[in-house]
C-alpha atoms as a PDB file:
ATOM      1  CA  VAL A   1    -131.924 153.031 145.012  1.00  0.00           C
ATOM      2  CA  GLU A   2    -129.007 154.807 146.647  1.00  0.00           C
ATOM      3  CA  VAL A   3    -126.130 152.414 147.308  1.00  0.00           C
ATOM      4  CA  PRO A   4    -124.215 153.344 150.470  1.00  0.00           C
ATOM      5  CA  GLU A   5    -120.410 153.813 150.219  1.00  0.00           C
ATOM      6  CA  GLY A   6    -118.572 150.547 150.758  1.00  0.00           C
ATOM      7  CA  ASP A   7    -115.155 149.275 151.860  1.00  0.00           C
ATOM      8  CA  VAL A   8    -113.188 147.108 149.381  1.00  0.00           C
ATOM      9  CA  LYS A   9    -111.219 145.291 152.045  1.00  0.00           C
ATOM     10  CA  LYS A  10    -114.303 144.474 154.068  1.00  0.00           C
ATOM     11  CA  GLY A  11    -116.059 143.391 150.893  1.00  0.00           C
ATOM     12  CA  ALA A  12    -113.184 140.983 150.038  1.00  0.00           C
ATOM     13  CA  LYS A  13    -113.543 139.359 153.555  1.00  0.00           C
ATOM     14  CA  LEU A  14    -117.290 139.134 153.169  1.00  0.00           C
ATOM     15  CA  PHE A  15    -116.972 137.590 149.778  1.00  0.00           C
ATOM     16  CA  LYS A  16    -114.648 134.950 151.168  1.00  0.00           C
ATOM     17  CA  ALA A  17    -117.050 134.230 154.056  1.00  0.00           C
ATOM     18  CA  LYS A  18    -120.404 134.349 152.260  1.00  0.00           C
ATOM     19  CA  CYS A  19    -119.806 133.804 148.532  1.00  0.00           C
ATOM     20  CA  ALA A  20    -116.522 131.918 147.922  1.00  0.00           C
ATOM     21  CA  GLN A  21    -118.086 128.491 148.515  1.00  0.00           C
ATOM     22  CA  CYS A  22    -119.974 128.865 145.187  1.00  0.00           C
ATOM     23  CA  HIS A  23    -118.105 131.629 143.276  1.00  0.00           C
ATOM     24  CA  THR A  24    -114.624 132.883 142.477  1.00  0.00           C
ATOM     25  CA  CYS A  25    -113.917 136.568 141.942  1.00  0.00           C
ATOM     26  CA  GLU A  26    -110.219 136.603 141.057  1.00  0.00           C
ATOM     27  CA  LYS A  27    -108.732 136.789 137.597  1.00  0.00           C
ATOM     28  CA  GLY A  28    -108.822 133.388 135.942  1.00  0.00           C
ATOM     29  CA  GLY A  29    -111.061 131.902 138.598  1.00  0.00           C
ATOM     30  CA  ASN A  30    -113.066 128.837 137.578  1.00  0.00           C
ATOM     31  CA  ALA A  31    -116.780 128.271 137.813  1.00  0.00           C
ATOM     32  CA  LYS A  32    -117.977 126.435 140.918  1.00  0.00           C
ATOM     33  CA  GLN A  33    -121.660 125.887 141.741  1.00  0.00           C
ATOM     34  CA  GLY A  34    -121.996 129.430 140.440  1.00  0.00           C
ATOM     35  CA  PRO A  35    -120.266 131.309 137.612  1.00  0.00           C
ATOM     36  CA  PRO A  36    -117.016 133.292 138.117  1.00  0.00           C
ATOM     37  CA  LEU A  37    -117.709 136.883 139.192  1.00  0.00           C
ATOM     38  CA  TYR A  38    -114.486 138.477 138.060  1.00  0.00           C
ATOM     39  CA  GLY A  39    -115.570 141.447 135.939  1.00  0.00           C
ATOM     40  CA  VAL A  40    -119.312 140.796 136.554  1.00  0.00           C
ATOM     41  CA  MET A  41    -120.148 144.523 136.765  1.00  0.00           C
ATOM     42  CA  GLY A  42    -121.299 145.669 133.336  1.00  0.00           C
ATOM     43  CA  ARG A  43    -121.955 142.043 132.195  1.00  0.00           C
ATOM     44  CA  THR A  44    -125.421 140.935 131.130  1.00  0.00           C
ATOM     45  CA  SER A  45    -126.927 138.233 133.364  1.00  0.00           C
ATOM     46  CA  GLY A  46    -126.730 134.688 132.053  1.00  0.00           C
ATOM     47  CA  THR A  47    -124.067 135.349 129.405  1.00  0.00           C
ATOM     48  CA  TYR A  48    -120.808 134.001 130.864  1.00  0.00           C
ATOM     49  CA  ASP A  49    -119.643 131.551 128.213  1.00  0.00           C
ATOM     50  CA  GLY A  50    -119.782 127.898 129.249  1.00  0.00           C
ATOM     51  CA  PHE A  51    -121.823 128.205 132.362  1.00  0.00           C
ATOM     52  CA  ALA A  52    -125.235 126.441 132.564  1.00  0.00           C
ATOM     53  CA  TYR A  53    -127.501 129.252 133.752  1.00  0.00           C
ATOM     54  CA  SER A  54    -131.176 128.891 134.594  1.00  0.00           C
ATOM     55  CA  GLU A  55    -133.596 130.152 131.943  1.00  0.00           C
ATOM     56  CA  SER A  56    -134.766 132.840 134.305  1.00  0.00           C
ATOM     57  CA  ASN A  57    -131.171 134.146 134.669  1.00  0.00           C
ATOM     58  CA  LYS A  58    -130.644 134.179 130.921  1.00  0.00           C
ATOM     59  CA  ASN A  59    -133.971 135.774 130.195  1.00  0.00           C
ATOM     60  CA  ALA A  60    -133.652 138.470 132.898  1.00  0.00           C
ATOM     61  CA  ALA A  61    -131.233 140.430 130.683  1.00  0.00           C
ATOM     62  CA  ILE A  62    -129.987 142.401 133.680  1.00  0.00           C
ATOM     63  CA  VAL A  63    -126.876 144.394 133.096  1.00  0.00           C
ATOM     64  CA  TRP A  64    -125.170 144.028 136.459  1.00  0.00           C
ATOM     65  CA  SER A  65    -124.462 147.275 138.211  1.00  0.00           C
ATOM     66  CA  ASP A  66    -123.939 148.139 141.923  1.00  0.00           C
ATOM     67  CA  LYS A  67    -127.643 149.040 142.180  1.00  0.00           C
ATOM     68  CA  HIS A  68    -128.843 145.751 140.706  1.00  0.00           C
ATOM     69  CA  MET A  69    -126.401 143.759 142.776  1.00  0.00           C
ATOM     70  CA  PHE A  70    -127.276 145.693 145.969  1.00  0.00           C
ATOM     71  CA  GLU A  71    -130.939 144.768 145.612  1.00  0.00           C
ATOM     72  CA  TYR A  72    -130.359 141.276 144.296  1.00  0.00           C
ATOM     73  CA  LEU A  73    -128.289 140.297 147.308  1.00  0.00           C
ATOM     74  CA  VAL A  74    -131.131 140.925 149.713  1.00  0.00           C
ATOM     75  CA  ASN A  75    -133.047 137.937 148.339  1.00  0.00           C
ATOM     76  CA  PRO A  76    -131.797 136.446 145.023  1.00  0.00           C
ATOM     77  CA  LYS A  77    -134.804 134.175 144.528  1.00  0.00           C
ATOM     78  CA  LYS A  78    -137.218 137.070 144.948  1.00  0.00           C
ATOM     79  CA  TYR A  79    -135.233 139.386 142.696  1.00  0.00           C
ATOM     80  CA  MET A  80    -134.924 136.795 139.975  1.00  0.00           C
ATOM     81  CA  PRO A  81    -137.688 134.165 140.360  1.00  0.00           C
ATOM     82  CA  GLY A  82    -136.574 130.818 139.030  1.00  0.00           C
ATOM     83  CA  THR A  83    -132.838 131.305 139.569  1.00  0.00           C
ATOM     84  CA  LYS A  84    -130.925 128.216 140.628  1.00  0.00           C
ATOM     85  CA  MET A  85    -128.948 130.230 143.177  1.00  0.00           C
ATOM     86  CA  VAL A  86    -129.449 128.837 146.677  1.00  0.00           C
ATOM     87  CA  PHE A  87    -128.520 131.712 148.991  1.00  0.00           C
ATOM     88  CA  ALA A  88    -130.326 133.207 151.942  1.00  0.00           C
ATOM     89  CA  GLY A  89    -129.175 136.740 151.017  1.00  0.00           C
ATOM     90  CA  VAL A  90    -127.337 139.496 152.802  1.00  0.00           C
ATOM     91  CA  LYS A  91    -129.743 141.558 154.914  1.00  0.00           C
ATOM     92  CA  LYS A  92    -127.351 144.243 156.172  1.00  0.00           C
ATOM     93  CA  ALA A  93    -127.145 147.180 153.799  1.00  0.00           C
ATOM     94  CA  GLY A  94    -123.590 147.980 154.800  1.00  0.00           C
ATOM     95  CA  GLU A  95    -122.370 144.531 154.004  1.00  0.00           C
ATOM     96  CA  ARG A  96    -124.098 144.523 150.651  1.00  0.00           C
ATOM     97  CA  ALA A  97    -122.428 147.904 149.863  1.00  0.00           C
ATOM     98  CA  ASP A  98    -119.000 146.430 150.828  1.00  0.00           C
ATOM     99  CA  LEU A  99    -119.593 143.410 148.558  1.00  0.00           C
ATOM    100  CA  CYS A 100    -120.671 145.595 145.652  1.00  0.00           C
ATOM    101  CA  THR A 101    -117.632 147.814 146.081  1.00  0.00           C
ATOM    102  CA  TYR A 102    -115.336 144.766 146.110  1.00  0.00           C
ATOM    103  CA  MET A 103    -116.932 143.418 142.912  1.00  0.00           C
ATOM    104  CA  LEU A 104    -116.634 146.823 141.300  1.00  0.00           C
ATOM    105  CA  ALA A 105    -112.976 146.886 142.215  1.00  0.00           C
ATOM    106  CA  GLN A 106    -112.590 143.506 140.493  1.00  0.00           C
ATOM    107  CA  ALA A 107    -114.355 144.915 137.416  1.00  0.00           C
ATOM    108  CA  MET A 108    -111.767 147.710 137.397  1.00  0.00           C
ATOM    109  CA  SER A 109    -109.073 145.166 137.685  1.00  0.00           C
ATOM    110  CA  ALA A 110    -110.553 143.278 134.772  1.00  0.00           C
ATOM    111  CA  PHE A 111    -110.842 146.209 132.438  1.00  0.00           C
ATOM    112  CA  GLY A 112    -109.722 149.358 134.187  1.00  0.00           C
ATOM    113  CA  PRO A 113    -107.863 151.938 132.211  1.00  0.00           C
ATOM    114  CA  TYR A 114    -109.196 154.355 134.853  1.00  0.00           C
ATOM    115  CA  ALA A 115    -108.446 152.230 137.921  1.00  0.00           C
ATOM    116  CA  LEU A 116    -106.327 155.058 139.388  1.00  0.00           C
ATOM    117  CA  LEU A 117    -109.339 157.368 139.291  1.00  0.00           C
ATOM    118  CA  SER A 118    -111.538 154.973 141.257  1.00  0.00           C
ATOM    119  CA  GLY A 119    -109.628 154.734 144.508  1.00  0.00           C
ATOM    120  CA  VAL A 120    -109.801 150.956 144.030  1.00  0.00           C
ATOM    121  CA  GLY A 121    -107.748 149.040 146.610  1.00  0.00           C
ATOM    122  CA  ARG A 122    -108.470 151.582 149.335  1.00  0.00           C
ATOM    123  CA  THR A 123    -111.505 152.369 151.348  1.00  0.00           C
ATOM    124  CA  ALA A 124    -114.157 153.463 148.872  1.00  0.00           C
ATOM    125  CA  ALA A 125    -115.273 156.476 151.007  1.00  0.00           C
ATOM    126  CA  ALA A 126    -112.991 158.821 149.106  1.00  0.00           C
ATOM    127  CA  ALA A 127    -114.330 157.655 145.775  1.00  0.00           C
ATOM    128  CA  GLY A 128    -117.946 157.469 146.912  1.00  0.00           C
ATOM    129  CA  ARG A 129    -120.617 157.395 144.205  1.00  0.00           C
ATOM    130  CA  ARG A 130    -118.040 157.902 141.448  1.00  0.00           C
ATOM    131  CA  ILE A 131    -116.993 154.215 141.732  1.00  0.00           C
ATOM    132  CA  ALA A 132    -120.550 153.231 140.930  1.00  0.00           C
ATOM    133  CA  PHE A 133    -120.240 154.831 137.511  1.00  0.00           C
ATOM    134  CA  LEU A 134    -116.661 153.699 136.768  1.00  0.00           C
ATOM    135  CA  PHE A 135    -117.934 150.347 135.545  1.00  0.00           C
ATOM    136  CA  ALA A 136    -119.450 152.302 132.643  1.00  0.00           C
ATOM    137  CA  LEU A 137    -115.866 152.621 131.381  1.00  0.00           C
ATOM    138  CA  VAL A 138    -115.921 148.960 130.555  1.00  0.00           C
ATOM    139  CA  CYS A 139    -119.546 147.803 130.537  1.00  0.00           C
ATOM    140  CA  HIS A 140    -121.084 146.452 127.428  1.00  0.00           C
ATOM    141  CA  CYS A 141    -124.541 147.438 128.581  1.00  0.00           C
ATOM    142  CA  PHE A 142    -126.465 148.161 125.449  1.00  0.00           C
ATOM    143  CA  ALA A 143    -129.242 145.699 125.945  1.00  0.00           C
ATOM    144  CA  MET A 144    -131.864 148.378 125.954  1.00  0.00           C
ATOM    145  CA  SER A 145    -131.004 149.361 122.417  1.00  0.00           C
ATOM    146  CA  GLY A 146    -130.278 145.925 121.022  1.00  0.00           C
ATOM    147  CA  GLU A 147    -127.045 147.446 119.905  1.00  0.00           C
ATOM    148  CA  PRO A 148    -123.930 145.246 119.729  1.00  0.00           C
ATOM    149  CA  SER A 149    -121.496 145.708 122.604  1.00  0.00           C
ATOM    150  CA  CYS A 150    -118.377 147.714 122.314  1.00  0.00           C
ATOM    151  CA  ALA A 151    -116.428 144.459 122.105  1.00  0.00           C
ATOM    152  CA  GLU A 152    -118.435 143.475 118.994  1.00  0.00           C
ATOM    153  CA  ARG A 153    -118.204 146.813 117.264  1.00  0.00           C
ATOM    154  CA  PRO A 154    -115.146 147.355 114.972  1.00  0.00           C
ATOM    155  CA  PRO A 155    -112.818 149.812 116.728  1.00  0.00           C
ATOM    156  CA  VAL A 156    -112.005 153.040 114.961  1.00  0.00           C
ATOM    157  CA  GLN A 157    -108.464 154.335 114.791  1.00  0.00           C
ATOM    158  CA  GLY A 158    -107.380 155.814 118.044  1.00  0.00           C
ATOM    159  CA  THR A 159    -110.177 154.413 120.230  1.00  0.00           C
ATOM    160  CA  LEU A 160    -109.769 153.511 123.868  1.00  0.00           C
ATOM    161  CA  GLN A 161    -109.611 149.897 122.741  1.00  0.00           C
ATOM    162  CA  ASP A 162    -106.179 150.596 121.277  1.00  0.00           C
ATOM    163  CA  SER A 163    -103.482 149.349 123.574  1.00  0.00           C
ATOM    164  CA  LYS A 164    -101.269 152.454 123.236  1.00  0.00           C
ATOM    165  CA  LEU A 165    -104.054 154.780 124.303  1.00  0.00           C
ATOM    166  CA  ARG A 166    -105.228 152.446 127.079  1.00  0.00           C
ATOM    167  CA  LYS A 167    -101.682 152.678 128.567  1.00  0.00           C
ATOM    168  CA  LYS A 168    -101.667 156.500 128.270  1.00  0.00           C
ATOM    169  CA  LYS A 169    -102.382 158.263 131.535  1.00  0.00           C
ATOM    170  CA  LYS A 170    -105.556 160.279 131.345  1.00  0.00           C
ATOM    171  CA  ASP A 171    -105.525 163.736 132.826  1.00  0.00           C
ATOM    172  CA  VAL A 172    -108.702 164.957 134.584  1.00  0.00           C
ATOM    173  CA  LYS A 173    -107.280 168.504 135.028  1.00  0.00           C
ATOM    174  CA  LYS A 174    -106.525 168.791 131.325  1.00  0.00           C
ATOM    175  CA  GLY A 175    -109.977 167.468 130.620  1.00  0.00           C
ATOM    176  CA  ALA A 176    -111.536 170.199 132.779  1.00  0.00           C
ATOM    177  CA  LYS A 177    -109.655 172.853 130.864  1.00  0.00           C
ATOM    178  CA  LEU A 178    -110.567 171.309 127.524  1.00  0.00           C
ATOM    179  CA  PHE A 179    -114.260 171.157 128.561  1.00  0.00           C
ATOM    180  CA  LYS A 180    -114.161 174.842 129.452  1.00  0.00           C
ATOM    181  CA  ALA A 181    -112.537 175.718 126.170  1.00  0.00           C
ATOM    182  CA  LYS A 182    -114.497 173.465 123.826  1.00  0.00           C
ATOM    183  CA  CYS A 183    -117.795 172.482 125.456  1.00  0.00           C
ATOM    184  CA  ALA A 184    -118.801 175.029 128.094  1.00  0.00           C
ATOM    185  CA  GLN A 185    -120.442 177.323 125.579  1.00  0.00           C
ATOM    186  CA  CYS A 186    -123.217 174.773 125.144  1.00  0.00           C
ATOM    187  CA  HIS A 187    -123.025 172.462 128.229  1.00  0.00           C
ATOM    188  CA  THR A 188    -122.503 172.570 131.978  1.00  0.00           C
ATOM    189  CA  CYS A 189    -120.801 169.677 133.747  1.00  0.00           C
ATOM    190  CA  GLU A 190    -121.020 170.704 137.426  1.00  0.00           C
ATOM    191  CA  LYS A 191    -123.585 169.344 139.879  1.00  0.00           C
ATOM    192  CA  GLY A 192    -126.798 171.363 139.590  1.00  0.00           C
ATOM    193  CA  GLY A 193    -125.736 172.984 136.282  1.00  0.00           C
ATOM    194  CA  ASN A 194    -128.517 174.191 133.943  1.00  0.00           C
ATOM    195  CA  ALA A 195    -129.199 173.276 130.386  1.00  0.00           C
ATOM    196  CA  LYS A 196    -127.785 175.642 127.771  1.00  0.00           C
ATOM    197  CA  GLN A 197    -127.943 174.957 124.044  1.00  0.00           C
ATOM    198  CA  GLY A 198    -127.142 171.387 125.067  1.00  0.00           C
ATOM    199  CA  PRO A 199    -128.175 169.320 128.120  1.00  0.00           C
ATOM    200  CA  PRO A 200    -126.221 169.354 131.404  1.00  0.00           C
ATOM    201  CA  LEU A 201    -123.493 166.641 131.395  1.00  0.00           C
ATOM    202  CA  TRP A 202    -123.166 166.126 135.155  1.00  0.00           C
ATOM    203  CA  GLY A 203    -123.553 162.357 135.601  1.00  0.00           C
ATOM    204  CA  VAL A 204    -123.786 161.671 131.853  1.00  0.00           C
ATOM    205  CA  MET A 205    -121.675 158.475 132.086  1.00  0.00           C
ATOM    206  CA  GLY A 206    -124.051 155.533 132.519  1.00  0.00           C
ATOM    207  CA  ARG A 207    -127.099 157.579 131.351  1.00  0.00           C
ATOM    208  CA  GLN A 208    -129.083 156.591 128.300  1.00  0.00           C
ATOM    209  CA  SER A 209    -128.978 159.153 125.489  1.00  0.00           C
ATOM    210  CA  GLY A 210    -131.929 161.457 125.146  1.00  0.00           C
ATOM    211  CA  THR A 211    -133.404 160.770 128.570  1.00  0.00           C
ATOM    212  CA  LEU A 212    -132.547 163.783 130.795  1.00  0.00           C
ATOM    213  CA  GLU A 213    -135.940 165.075 131.875  1.00  0.00           C
ATOM    214  CA  GLY A 214    -136.947 168.508 130.563  1.00  0.00           C
ATOM    215  CA  PHE A 215    -134.438 168.818 127.667  1.00  0.00           C
ATOM    216  CA  ALA A 216    -135.720 168.868 124.097  1.00  0.00           C
ATOM    217  CA  TYR A 217    -133.496 166.241 122.423  1.00  0.00           C
ATOM    218  CA  SER A 218    -133.581 165.408 118.723  1.00  0.00           C
ATOM    219  CA  GLU A 219    -135.452 162.233 117.743  1.00  0.00           C
ATOM    220  CA  ALA A 220    -132.157 160.823 116.552  1.00  0.00           C
ATOM    221  CA  ASN A 221    -130.698 161.289 120.084  1.00  0.00           C
ATOM    222  CA  LYS A 222    -133.722 159.799 121.830  1.00  0.00           C
ATOM    223  CA  SER A 223    -133.997 156.802 119.560  1.00  0.00           C
ATOM    224  CA  SER A 224    -130.300 155.962 119.430  1.00  0.00           C
ATOM    225  CA  GLY A 225    -130.491 153.871 122.607  1.00  0.00           C
ATOM    226  CA  ILE A 226    -126.827 154.637 123.517  1.00  0.00           C
ATOM    227  CA  ILE A 227    -125.870 154.265 127.175  1.00  0.00           C
ATOM    228  CA  TRP A 228    -122.988 156.683 127.508  1.00  0.00           C
ATOM    229  CA  SER A 229    -119.653 155.150 128.386  1.00  0.00           C
ATOM    230  CA  ASP A 230    -116.089 156.302 127.798  1.00  0.00           C
ATOM    231  CA  LYS A 231    -115.988 154.244 124.611  1.00  0.00           C
ATOM    232  CA  HIS A 232    -119.151 155.713 123.144  1.00  0.00           C
ATOM    233  CA  MET A 233    -118.156 159.212 124.188  1.00  0.00           C
ATOM    234  CA  PHE A 234    -114.624 158.839 122.890  1.00  0.00           C
ATOM    235  CA  GLU A 235    -115.869 157.858 119.427  1.00  0.00           C
ATOM    236  CA  TYR A 236    -118.774 160.257 119.432  1.00  0.00           C
ATOM    237  CA  LEU A 237    -116.528 163.254 120.016  1.00  0.00           C
ATOM    238  CA  VAL A 238    -114.616 162.610 116.830  1.00  0.00           C
ATOM    239  CA  ASN A 239    -117.687 163.614 114.770  1.00  0.00           C
ATOM    240  CA  PRO A 240    -121.000 163.833 116.609  1.00  0.00           C
ATOM    241  CA  LYS A 241    -123.104 164.215 113.424  1.00  0.00           C
ATOM    242  CA  LYS A 242    -121.593 161.069 111.927  1.00  0.00           C
ATOM    243  CA  TYR A 243    -121.945 159.044 115.154  1.00  0.00           C
ATOM    244  CA  ILE A 244    -125.585 160.034 115.657  1.00  0.00           C
ATOM    245  CA  PRO A 245    -126.994 161.083 112.266  1.00  0.00           C
ATOM    246  CA  GLY A 246    -129.696 163.683 112.788  1.00  0.00           C
ATOM    247  CA  THR A 247    -128.445 165.021 116.086  1.00  0.00           C
ATOM    248  CA  LYS A 248    -128.999 168.755 116.704  1.00  0.00           C
ATOM    249  CA  MET A 249    -125.518 169.081 118.139  1.00  0.00           C
ATOM    250  CA  VAL A 250    -123.400 171.545 116.111  1.00  0.00           C
ATOM    251  CA  PHE A 251    -119.800 170.712 116.932  1.00  0.00           C
ATOM    252  CA  ALA A 252    -116.856 170.068 114.708  1.00  0.00           C
ATOM    253  CA  GLY A 253    -115.507 167.371 117.027  1.00  0.00           C
ATOM    254  CA  VAL A 254    -112.232 166.753 118.789  1.00  0.00           C
ATOM    255  CA  LYS A 255    -109.743 165.031 116.533  1.00  0.00           C
ATOM    256  CA  LYS A 256    -106.842 164.422 118.921  1.00  0.00           C
ATOM    257  CA  ALA A 257    -107.216 161.101 120.707  1.00  0.00           C
ATOM    258  CA  GLY A 258    -105.462 162.303 123.827  1.00  0.00           C
ATOM    259  CA  GLU A 259    -107.753 165.278 124.214  1.00  0.00           C
ATOM    260  CA  ARG A 260    -110.807 163.076 123.873  1.00  0.00           C
ATOM    261  CA  ALA A 261    -109.367 160.703 126.523  1.00  0.00           C
ATOM    262  CA  ASP A 262    -108.868 163.652 128.860  1.00  0.00           C
ATOM    263  CA  LEU A 263    -112.435 164.885 128.280  1.00  0.00           C
ATOM    264  CA  CYS A 264    -113.802 161.393 129.034  1.00  0.00           C
ATOM    265  CA  ALA A 265    -111.755 161.242 132.201  1.00  0.00           C
ATOM    266  CA  TYR A 266    -113.138 164.589 133.296  1.00  0.00           C
ATOM    267  CA  MET A 267    -116.752 163.633 132.572  1.00  0.00           C
ATOM    268  CA  ILE A 268    -116.378 160.347 134.443  1.00  0.00           C
ATOM    269  CA  GLY A 269    -115.019 162.322 137.381  1.00  0.00           C
ATOM    270  CA  GLN A 270    -118.253 164.400 137.261  1.00  0.00           C
ATOM    271  CA  ALA A 271    -120.520 161.307 137.350  1.00  0.00           C
END
């Protein structure tokens, strides 16, 4: 499903008109008839602490993304049979895109060390599809692997969970130069780039490890179940062989936290 580009401001107005009777979407908003939706993108369905979800919602195990939400809003009861949500749906694709963009913007507000990259707060046309992947910066979407979320994993020294590094401005241009110097021998990162010794990394953020069609991954990579986000990539780049034991990747790693942050920012920009 391709989600059209949306407009944050239009989405905010639509949310107020169509959703605010049952939901809040601002920071600190309370539950109403439905759960608070602040930071919903990247959250697993039925997991907001303290809200009495239907069993169907809890069992769906959907990790909310713009694509899930875009389809769900057409007809919630059809998309999630058994849900308690009483809502006729939003039939116009443009309106659903605006709502999704608004909720993504709120996710960036909730977690966003890269909010400046997203174009959040302005019309989303300039950001386009990149916004759809920005939630991967903060999502805890490892349900497919059964792996604990980033929030549950103990942080390593210098991770993006560290407040000092979160406040540090990430530099996409520096990341591009670092990629060329340290990664381009084995990987491409531009749209349409071919596989080299390693797989193409265009759009890697939000992709499950070992799933790019046509590339011969190691069994370790295919079975790791990692869904690449900035947090995974940031830690992985310290020592790939330690992070995924058995990987075929031969790379000494990037020890400087700032350089890893810049590389992550660049790869997110290429999503």
